[in-house]
C-alpha atoms as a PDB file:
ATOM      1  CA  MET A   1      -0.119  -0.016   0.235  1.00  0.00           C
ATOM      2  CA  HIS A   2       1.200   3.434  -0.888  1.00  0.00           C
ATOM      3  CA  HIS A   3       0.682   6.377   1.350  1.00  0.00           C
ATOM      4  CA  THR A   4       0.496   9.677  -0.387  1.00  0.00           C
ATOM      5  CA  LYS A   5       1.587  12.512   1.637  1.00  0.00           C
ATOM      6  CA  VAL A   6      -0.479  15.159   1.329  1.00  0.00           C
ATOM      7  CA  ARG A   7       0.918  18.671   1.035  1.00  0.00           C
ATOM      8  CA  ARG A   8      -0.179  21.472   3.091  1.00  0.00           C
ATOM      9  CA  HIS A   9      -0.307  24.986   1.442  1.00  0.00           C
ATOM     10  CA  PRO A  10       1.537  27.649   4.113  1.00  0.00           C
ATOM     11  CA  LEU A  11      -1.580  29.638   3.439  1.00  0.00           C
ATOM     12  CA  PHE A  12      -3.460  26.865   5.514  1.00  0.00           C
ATOM     13  CA  ILE A  13      -0.803  26.923   8.570  1.00  0.00           C
ATOM     14  CA  PHE A  14      -1.479  30.779   8.892  1.00  0.00           C
ATOM     15  CA  LEU A  15      -4.923  30.823   8.085  1.00  0.00           C
ATOM     16  CA  PRO A  16      -6.092  30.924  11.818  1.00  0.00           C
ATOM     17  CA  LEU A  17      -3.577  33.644  12.374  1.00  0.00           C
ATOM     18  CA  PHE A  18      -4.601  35.456   9.880  1.00  0.00           C
ATOM     19  CA  ILE A  19      -8.425  35.012  10.838  1.00  0.00           C
ATOM     20  CA  ILE A  20      -7.524  36.608  14.436  1.00  0.00           C
ATOM     21  CA  ALA A  21      -5.475  39.194  13.214  1.00  0.00           C
ATOM     22  CA  GLY A  22      -8.847  40.038  10.747  1.00  0.00           C
ATOM     23  CA  LEU A  23     -11.100  39.746  13.453  1.00  0.00           C
ATOM     24  CA  PHE A  24      -8.778  42.115  15.843  1.00  0.00           C
ATOM     25  CA  PHE A  25      -8.172  44.658  13.001  1.00  0.00           C
ATOM     26  CA  LEU A  26     -12.513  44.708  12.410  1.00  0.00           C
ATOM     27  CA  SER A  27     -12.789  45.035  16.362  1.00  0.00           C
ATOM     28  CA  GLU A  28     -10.325  48.118  16.315  1.00  0.00           C
ATOM     29  CA  ALA A  29     -11.639  49.607  13.061  1.00  0.00           C
ATOM     30  CA  SER A  30     -15.170  49.551  14.128  1.00  0.00           C
ATOM     31  CA  ALA A  31     -14.293  51.234  17.785  1.00  0.00           C
ATOM     32  CA  ASN A  32     -11.682  53.367  15.714  1.00  0.00           C
ATOM     33  CA  PRO A  33     -12.940  55.079  12.707  1.00  0.00           C
ATOM     34  CA  ILE A  34     -10.702  55.607  10.250  1.00  0.00           C
ATOM     35  CA  ASN A  35     -10.974  59.484  10.598  1.00  0.00           C
ATOM     36  CA  GLY A  36      -8.622  58.902  13.600  1.00  0.00           C
ATOM     37  CA  LYS A  37     -11.043  59.654  16.586  1.00  0.00           C
ATOM     38  CA  LYS A  38     -14.330  58.114  18.473  1.00  0.00           C
ATOM     39  CA  ALA A  39     -17.098  60.592  18.940  1.00  0.00           C
ATOM     40  CA  THR A  40     -18.782  59.969  22.265  1.00  0.00           C
ATOM     41  CA  ASP A  41     -20.535  62.737  23.529  1.00  0.00           C
ATOM     42  CA  GLU A  42     -21.237  60.851  26.826  1.00  0.00           C
ATOM     43  CA  THR A  43     -21.172  62.530  30.556  1.00  0.00           C
ATOM     44  CA  ILE A  44     -18.404  61.542  32.478  1.00  0.00           C
ATOM     45  CA  ASN A  45     -18.213  61.553  36.408  1.00  0.00           C
ATOM     46  CA  ALA A  46     -14.387  63.153  37.071  1.00  0.00           C
ATOM     47  CA  PRO A  47     -14.380  65.749  39.370  1.00  0.00           C
ATOM     48  CA  TYR A  48     -11.020  66.395  39.288  1.00  0.00           C
ATOM     49  CA  LEU A  49     -11.387  67.856  35.944  1.00  0.00           C
ATOM     50  CA  GLN A  50     -13.166  70.313  37.271  1.00  0.00           C
ATOM     51  CA  LYS A  51      -9.720  71.658  38.389  1.00  0.00           C
ATOM     52  CA  ASN A  52      -9.951  73.584  34.289  1.00  0.00           C
ATOM     53  CA  PRO A  53     -12.159  76.391  34.179  1.00  0.00           C
ATOM     54  CA  LYS A  54     -12.472  76.620  30.626  1.00  0.00           C
ATOM     55  CA  ARG A  55     -15.155  75.277  28.169  1.00  0.00           C
ATOM     56  CA  PHE A  56     -13.370  72.802  26.591  1.00  0.00           C
ATOM     57  CA  GLN A  57     -10.270  70.542  27.545  1.00  0.00           C
ATOM     58  CA  LEU A  58      -8.506  68.386  26.245  1.00  0.00           C
ATOM     59  CA  VAL A  59      -6.544  65.695  28.354  1.00  0.00           C
ATOM     60  CA  PHE A  60      -3.982  63.311  27.934  1.00  0.00           C
ATOM     61  CA  PHE A  61      -3.387  60.274  30.549  1.00  0.00           C
ATOM     62  CA  GLY A  62      -0.029  59.437  31.640  1.00  0.00           C
ATOM     63  CA  TYR A  63       2.531  59.391  34.185  1.00  0.00           C
ATOM     64  CA  VAL A  64       5.772  61.436  34.996  1.00  0.00           C
ATOM     65  CA  GLY A  65       8.792  59.890  34.400  1.00  0.00           C
ATOM     66  CA  CYS A  66       7.323  58.376  31.211  1.00  0.00           C
ATOM     67  CA  GLN A  67       9.720  59.225  28.625  1.00  0.00           C
ATOM     68  CA  LYS A  68       9.178  57.070  25.735  1.00  0.00           C
ATOM     69  CA  VAL A  69       5.232  58.140  24.966  1.00  0.00           C
ATOM     70  CA  CYS A  70       4.409  60.951  27.632  1.00  0.00           C
ATOM     71  CA  THR A  71       6.963  63.452  27.318  1.00  0.00           C
ATOM     72  CA  PRO A  72       7.380  63.283  23.512  1.00  0.00           C
ATOM     73  CA  MET A  73       3.701  63.102  22.982  1.00  0.00           C
ATOM     74  CA  LEU A  74       3.052  65.940  25.592  1.00  0.00           C
ATOM     75  CA  HIS A  75       6.064  67.976  24.000  1.00  0.00           C
ATOM     76  CA  GLU A  76       3.887  67.399  20.358  1.00  0.00           C
ATOM     77  CA  LEU A  77       0.539  68.787  22.297  1.00  0.00           C
ATOM     78  CA  SER A  78       2.363  71.608  23.705  1.00  0.00           C
ATOM     79  CA  ALA A  79       3.661  72.607  20.037  1.00  0.00           C
ATOM     80  CA  PHE A  80      -0.119  72.170  18.749  1.00  0.00           C
ATOM     81  CA  TYR A  81      -1.240  73.976  21.714  1.00  0.00           C
ATOM     82  CA  GLU A  82       1.100  77.060  21.036  1.00  0.00           C
ATOM     83  CA  SER A  83       0.480  76.932  17.376  1.00  0.00           C
ATOM     84  CA  PRO A  84      -0.845  79.976  15.190  1.00  0.00           C
ATOM     85  CA  ARG A  85      -3.677  77.860  14.170  1.00  0.00           C
ATOM     86  CA  PHE A  86      -4.746  76.784  17.917  1.00  0.00           C
ATOM     87  CA  SER A  87      -4.089  80.329  19.304  1.00  0.00           C
ATOM     88  CA  PRO A  88      -8.034  81.630  18.821  1.00  0.00           C
ATOM     89  CA  LEU A  89      -8.969  78.852  20.082  1.00  0.00           C
ATOM     90  CA  LYS A  90      -6.369  78.929  23.784  1.00  0.00           C
ATOM     91  CA  PRO A  91      -9.423  81.475  25.369  1.00  0.00           C
ATOM     92  CA  LEU A  92     -11.567  78.388  25.604  1.00  0.00           C
ATOM     93  CA  VAL A  93      -9.501  75.511  25.535  1.00  0.00           C
ATOM     94  CA  GLY A  94      -7.665  74.592  28.475  1.00  0.00           C
ATOM     95  CA  PHE A  95      -5.102  71.331  28.546  1.00  0.00           C
ATOM     96  CA  SER A  96      -5.107  68.853  31.210  1.00  0.00           C
ATOM     97  CA  PHE A  97      -2.482  65.745  32.097  1.00  0.00           C
ATOM     98  CA  VAL A  98      -3.713  63.493  34.507  1.00  0.00           C
ATOM     99  CA  ASN A  99      -1.034  61.158  36.245  1.00  0.00           C
ATOM    100  CA  LEU A 100      -1.909  57.385  36.283  1.00  0.00           C
ATOM    101  CA  VAL A 101       0.755  56.630  39.205  1.00  0.00           C
ATOM    102  CA  PRO A 102      -1.430  57.311  42.844  1.00  0.00           C
ATOM    103  CA  GLU A 103       1.526  56.333  44.494  1.00  0.00           C
ATOM    104  CA  MET A 104       3.930  59.587  43.282  1.00  0.00           C
ATOM    105  CA  GLU A 105       4.215  62.992  45.057  1.00  0.00           C
ATOM    106  CA  PRO A 106       0.852  64.940  44.585  1.00  0.00           C
ATOM    107  CA  HIS A 107       2.884  68.009  43.399  1.00  0.00           C
ATOM    108  CA  LEU A 108       4.619  66.186  40.366  1.00  0.00           C
ATOM    109  CA  PRO A 109       2.437  65.992  37.817  1.00  0.00           C
ATOM    110  CA  GLN A 110       1.675  69.721  38.020  1.00  0.00           C
ATOM    111  CA  ALA A 111       5.503  70.120  37.906  1.00  0.00           C
ATOM    112  CA  TYR A 112       5.815  68.095  35.127  1.00  0.00           C
ATOM    113  CA  ALA A 113       3.017  69.487  33.434  1.00  0.00           C
ATOM    114  CA  HIS A 114       4.439  73.249  33.906  1.00  0.00           C
ATOM    115  CA  GLY A 115       8.083  72.257  32.748  1.00  0.00           C
ATOM    116  CA  ILE A 116       6.512  71.269  29.733  1.00  0.00           C
ATOM    117  CA  ASN A 117       3.904  74.145  28.962  1.00  0.00           C
ATOM    118  CA  ARG A 118       3.254  76.738  31.907  1.00  0.00           C
ATOM    119  CA  ASN A 119      -0.658  76.370  30.737  1.00  0.00           C
ATOM    120  CA  PHE A 120      -0.638  73.009  31.256  1.00  0.00           C
ATOM    121  CA  ILE A 121      -2.744  71.420  34.286  1.00  0.00           C
ATOM    122  CA  GLY A 122      -1.042  68.185  36.013  1.00  0.00           C
ATOM    123  CA  ILE A 123      -3.706  66.307  37.820  1.00  0.00           C
ATOM    124  CA  HIS A 124      -2.623  63.357  40.540  1.00  0.00           C
ATOM    125  CA  LEU A 125      -4.990  60.868  41.356  1.00  0.00           C
ATOM    126  CA  ASN A 126      -5.638  58.826  44.177  1.00  0.00           C
ATOM    127  CA  GLN A 127      -5.928  55.039  43.835  1.00  0.00           C
ATOM    128  CA  LYS A 128      -9.762  55.440  44.263  1.00  0.00           C
ATOM    129  CA  GLU A 129     -10.148  57.898  41.474  1.00  0.00           C
ATOM    130  CA  LEU A 130      -8.035  55.711  39.175  1.00  0.00           C
ATOM    131  CA  ASP A 131     -10.197  53.024  40.177  1.00  0.00           C
ATOM    132  CA  SER A 132     -12.816  53.831  37.365  1.00  0.00           C
ATOM    133  CA  ILE A 133     -10.727  55.563  35.118  1.00  0.00           C
ATOM    134  CA  ASP A 134     -10.197  52.849  33.372  1.00  0.00           C
ATOM    135  CA  LYS A 135     -13.825  52.375  32.692  1.00  0.00           C
ATOM    136  CA  GLU A 136     -15.175  55.958  32.439  1.00  0.00           C
ATOM    137  CA  PHE A 137     -12.735  56.854  29.343  1.00  0.00           C
ATOM    138  CA  SER A 138     -12.207  53.138  27.667  1.00  0.00           C
ATOM    139  CA  LEU A 139      -8.548  53.971  29.043  1.00  0.00           C
ATOM    140  CA  PHE A 140      -5.965  50.785  28.769  1.00  0.00           C
ATOM    141  CA  ILE A 141      -3.724  50.906  31.818  1.00  0.00           C
ATOM    142  CA  ALA A 142      -1.542  47.892  32.923  1.00  0.00           C
ATOM    143  CA  LYS A 143       1.421  47.385  35.017  1.00  0.00           C
ATOM    144  CA  ARG A 144       4.946  45.781  33.671  1.00  0.00           C
ATOM    145  CA  LEU A 145       5.778  42.970  35.306  1.00  0.00           C
ATOM    146  CA  ASN A 146       9.350  43.101  33.568  1.00  0.00           C
ATOM    147  CA  GLU A 147       9.891  46.734  34.265  1.00  0.00           C
ATOM    148  CA  PRO A 148       8.314  47.818  37.863  1.00  0.00           C
ATOM    149  CA  GLY A 149       7.473  51.748  37.651  1.00  0.00           C
ATOM    150  CA  GLU A 150       6.716  51.387  34.375  1.00  0.00           C
ATOM    151  CA  LEU A 151       3.039  51.429  32.683  1.00  0.00           C
ATOM    152  CA  ASP A 152       1.867  50.533  29.379  1.00  0.00           C
ATOM    153  CA  HIS A 153      -1.361  52.801  29.142  1.00  0.00           C
ATOM    154  CA  SER A 154      -3.293  54.447  25.880  1.00  0.00           C
ATOM    155  CA  ASP A 155      -1.965  57.504  24.669  1.00  0.00           C
ATOM    156  CA  HIS A 156      -5.201  58.971  23.083  1.00  0.00           C
ATOM    157  CA  LEU A 157      -6.390  62.398  23.531  1.00  0.00           C
ATOM    158  CA  TYR A 158      -9.891  63.491  24.855  1.00  0.00           C
ATOM    159  CA  LEU A 159     -11.888  66.356  23.900  1.00  0.00           C
ATOM    160  CA  ILE A 160     -14.126  67.350  27.176  1.00  0.00           C
ATOM    161  CA  GLU A 161     -16.940  69.848  26.924  1.00  0.00           C
ATOM    162  CA  ARG A 162     -18.386  71.147  30.215  1.00  0.00           C
ATOM    163  CA  ASP A 163     -21.880  72.568  29.676  1.00  0.00           C
ATOM    164  CA  LYS A 164     -23.865  75.245  30.646  1.00  0.00           C
ATOM    165  CA  ASN A 165     -24.631  73.141  34.300  1.00  0.00           C
ATOM    166  CA  GLY A 166     -21.135  72.462  34.451  1.00  0.00           C
ATOM    167  CA  THR A 167     -21.415  68.755  33.428  1.00  0.00           C
ATOM    168  CA  LEU A 168     -18.645  67.308  32.020  1.00  0.00           C
ATOM    169  CA  LEU A 169     -19.309  65.180  28.330  1.00  0.00           C
ATOM    170  CA  LEU A 170     -16.699  63.506  26.461  1.00  0.00           C
ATOM    171  CA  LYS A 171     -16.894  64.349  22.770  1.00  0.00           C
ATOM    172  CA  ASN A 172     -14.082  62.859  20.811  1.00  0.00           C
ATOM    173  CA  ILE A 173     -11.396  60.532  21.556  1.00  0.00           C
ATOM    174  CA  TYR A 174      -8.881  60.911  19.144  1.00  0.00           C
ATOM    175  CA  HIS A 175      -5.682  59.078  18.061  1.00  0.00           C
ATOM    176  CA  THR A 176      -2.280  60.277  18.564  1.00  0.00           C
ATOM    177  CA  HIS A 177      -0.292  58.497  16.022  1.00  0.00           C
ATOM    178  CA  PRO A 178      -0.812  60.415  14.008  1.00  0.00           C
ATOM    179  CA  LEU A 179      -3.123  62.842  15.667  1.00  0.00           C
ATOM    180  CA  ASP A 180      -5.234  64.607  13.330  1.00  0.00           C
ATOM    181  CA  LYS A 181      -4.816  68.400  14.790  1.00  0.00           C
ATOM    182  CA  GLU A 182      -7.051  70.080  12.077  1.00  0.00           C
ATOM    183  CA  LYS A 183      -9.620  67.654  12.791  1.00  0.00           C
ATOM    184  CA  VAL A 184      -9.465  68.637  16.352  1.00  0.00           C
ATOM    185  CA  ILE A 185      -9.438  72.495  15.449  1.00  0.00           C
ATOM    186  CA  ALA A 186     -12.439  71.508  13.265  1.00  0.00           C
ATOM    187  CA  ASP A 187     -14.519  69.670  15.822  1.00  0.00           C
ATOM    188  CA  ILE A 188     -13.895  72.436  18.415  1.00  0.00           C
ATOM    189  CA  LYS A 189     -14.960  75.146  15.834  1.00  0.00           C
ATOM    190  CA  ALA A 190     -17.966  72.805  15.390  1.00  0.00           C
ATOM    191  CA  MET A 191     -19.309  73.024  18.857  1.00  0.00           C
ATOM    192  CA  LEU A 192     -18.930  77.065  19.031  1.00  0.00           C
END
């Protein structure tokens, strides 16, 4: 009896990986539209963001000492905030940096934010405030097991509006790689 060896095409070996990757891509595409933002228009419970008195605020979550993501992104956001295109909006739009490490000295987030831009507000959160932040903002936060003191986290930019009653509304979540700065400006102008 002669057995013929069935040779499988390499595509069949990788097919399960392609399916999983495709499903991930589709879920990301539906959650993160192609225009680089997700519109939400949801009421949020974030009393710590009340420190910023302006009608709108751009919010970035990170942590003091994050050199690979936060510091470069905050410098990019500072340049955007100070740009001639954004300048007419500055009286209406503040910027808040929210620190994700509660063990840090409470004054450090403000010092860090001011070190990048004197107009930025740095916010320290305690553990209780942090416990609901991931759900409130669809934010990913995870401690790195192999690097104590380091976090992996979402690096999106959030547009918050304070309505006439003082209620905070999460309007948009923007992707920052790349950040469509013109879209952010257009979105704010459309709400005026």
